[in-house]
Amino acid sequence: MAASGFSKKGFEVTIDDGCLNISAESSSSNEEKDDNYTRKEFSYNSFEKRLQLPKRR
């Protein structure tokens, strides 16, 4: 499974109530100052996938 823009270490993997949960979040910001203006940019991304696991016999 690929999720561009996320580092491998940023993923959280859990199993809850028979589901495999995979999630990640990332954010970044940039600020540029000049004599006449200040420009700020930011971004926030999230990824979440839930997969139902097969029942155990």
C-alpha atoms as a PDB file:
ATOM      1  CA  MET A   1       0.000   0.000   0.000  1.00  0.00           C
ATOM      2  CA  ALA A   2       1.428   3.399  -0.933  1.00  0.00           C
ATOM      3  CA  ALA A   3       0.547   6.833   0.434  1.00  0.00           C
ATOM      4  CA  SER A   4       2.665   9.553  -1.131  1.00  0.00           C
ATOM      5  CA  GLY A   5       3.853  12.409   1.056  1.00  0.00           C
ATOM      6  CA  PHE A   6       4.031  10.337   4.245  1.00  0.00           C
ATOM      7  CA  SER A   7       7.139   8.891   5.857  1.00  0.00           C
ATOM      8  CA  LYS A   8       7.228   5.243   6.865  1.00  0.00           C
ATOM      9  CA  LYS A   9       7.791   6.168  10.522  1.00  0.00           C
ATOM     10  CA  GLY A  10       4.684   8.384  10.631  1.00  0.00           C
ATOM     11  CA  PHE A  11       2.157   5.561  10.249  1.00  0.00           C
ATOM     12  CA  GLU A  12       0.107   4.176  13.111  1.00  0.00           C
ATOM     13  CA  VAL A  13      -1.121   0.598  12.763  1.00  0.00           C
ATOM     14  CA  THR A  14      -3.685  -0.852  15.172  1.00  0.00           C
ATOM     15  CA  ILE A  15      -6.168  -3.722  15.308  1.00  0.00           C
ATOM     16  CA  ASP A  16      -9.535  -2.929  16.843  1.00  0.00           C
ATOM     17  CA  ASP A  17     -12.775  -4.913  16.822  1.00  0.00           C
ATOM     18  CA  GLY A  18     -11.668  -7.158  13.943  1.00  0.00           C
ATOM     19  CA  CYS A  19     -10.369  -4.292  11.753  1.00  0.00           C
ATOM     20  CA  LEU A  20      -6.836  -3.396  10.753  1.00  0.00           C
ATOM     21  CA  ASN A  21      -6.482   0.406  11.021  1.00  0.00           C
ATOM     22  CA  ILE A  22      -3.690   2.266   9.227  1.00  0.00           C
ATOM     23  CA  SER A  23      -3.392   6.046   9.599  1.00  0.00           C
ATOM     24  CA  ALA A  24      -0.906   8.884   9.193  1.00  0.00           C
ATOM     25  CA  GLU A  25      -0.819  12.670   9.419  1.00  0.00           C
ATOM     26  CA  SER A  26       1.646  15.238   8.159  1.00  0.00           C
ATOM     27  CA  SER A  27       1.841  19.003   8.214  1.00  0.00           C
ATOM     28  CA  SER A  28       4.261  21.669   7.060  1.00  0.00           C
ATOM     29  CA  SER A  29       4.510  25.439   7.081  1.00  0.00           C
ATOM     30  CA  ASN A  30       6.609  28.065   5.368  1.00  0.00           C
ATOM     31  CA  GLU A  31       6.944  31.781   6.071  1.00  0.00           C
ATOM     32  CA  GLU A  32       8.558  34.407   3.849  1.00  0.00           C
ATOM     33  CA  LYS A  33       9.042  37.972   5.094  1.00  0.00           C
ATOM     34  CA  ASP A  34       9.844  40.998   2.978  1.00  0.00           C
ATOM     35  CA  ASP A  35       9.781  44.753   3.656  1.00  0.00           C
ATOM     36  CA  ASN A  36       6.287  45.070   2.146  1.00  0.00           C
ATOM     37  CA  TYR A  37       4.623  41.773   3.001  1.00  0.00           C
ATOM     38  CA  THR A  38       4.667  38.516   4.913  1.00  0.00           C
ATOM     39  CA  ARG A  39       3.598  35.339   3.142  1.00  0.00           C
ATOM     40  CA  LYS A  40       2.650  32.196   5.082  1.00  0.00           C
ATOM     41  CA  GLU A  41       1.854  28.820   3.566  1.00  0.00           C
ATOM     42  CA  PHE A  42       0.784  25.674   5.347  1.00  0.00           C
ATOM     43  CA  SER A  43      -0.516  22.250   4.470  1.00  0.00           C
ATOM     44  CA  TYR A  44      -2.070  19.395   6.384  1.00  0.00           C
ATOM     45  CA  ASN A  45      -2.606  15.875   5.066  1.00  0.00           C
ATOM     46  CA  SER A  46      -4.126  12.810   6.616  1.00  0.00           C
ATOM     47  CA  PHE A  47      -4.515   9.221   5.501  1.00  0.00           C
ATOM     48  CA  GLU A  48      -6.711   6.513   6.981  1.00  0.00           C
ATOM     49  CA  LYS A  49      -7.537   3.016   5.801  1.00  0.00           C
ATOM     50  CA  ARG A  50      -9.628   0.378   7.600  1.00  0.00           C
ATOM     51  CA  LEU A  51      -9.601  -3.241   6.485  1.00  0.00           C
ATOM     52  CA  GLN A  52     -11.935  -5.913   7.864  1.00  0.00           C
ATOM     53  CA  LEU A  53      -9.909  -8.927   8.957  1.00  0.00           C
ATOM     54  CA  PRO A  54     -11.215 -12.455   8.238  1.00  0.00           C
ATOM     55  CA  LYS A  55     -12.968 -14.248  11.088  1.00  0.00           C
ATOM     56  CA  ARG A  56     -10.869 -16.752  13.016  1.00  0.00           C
ATOM     57  CA  ARG A  57     -12.013 -20.353  12.995  1.00  0.00           C
END
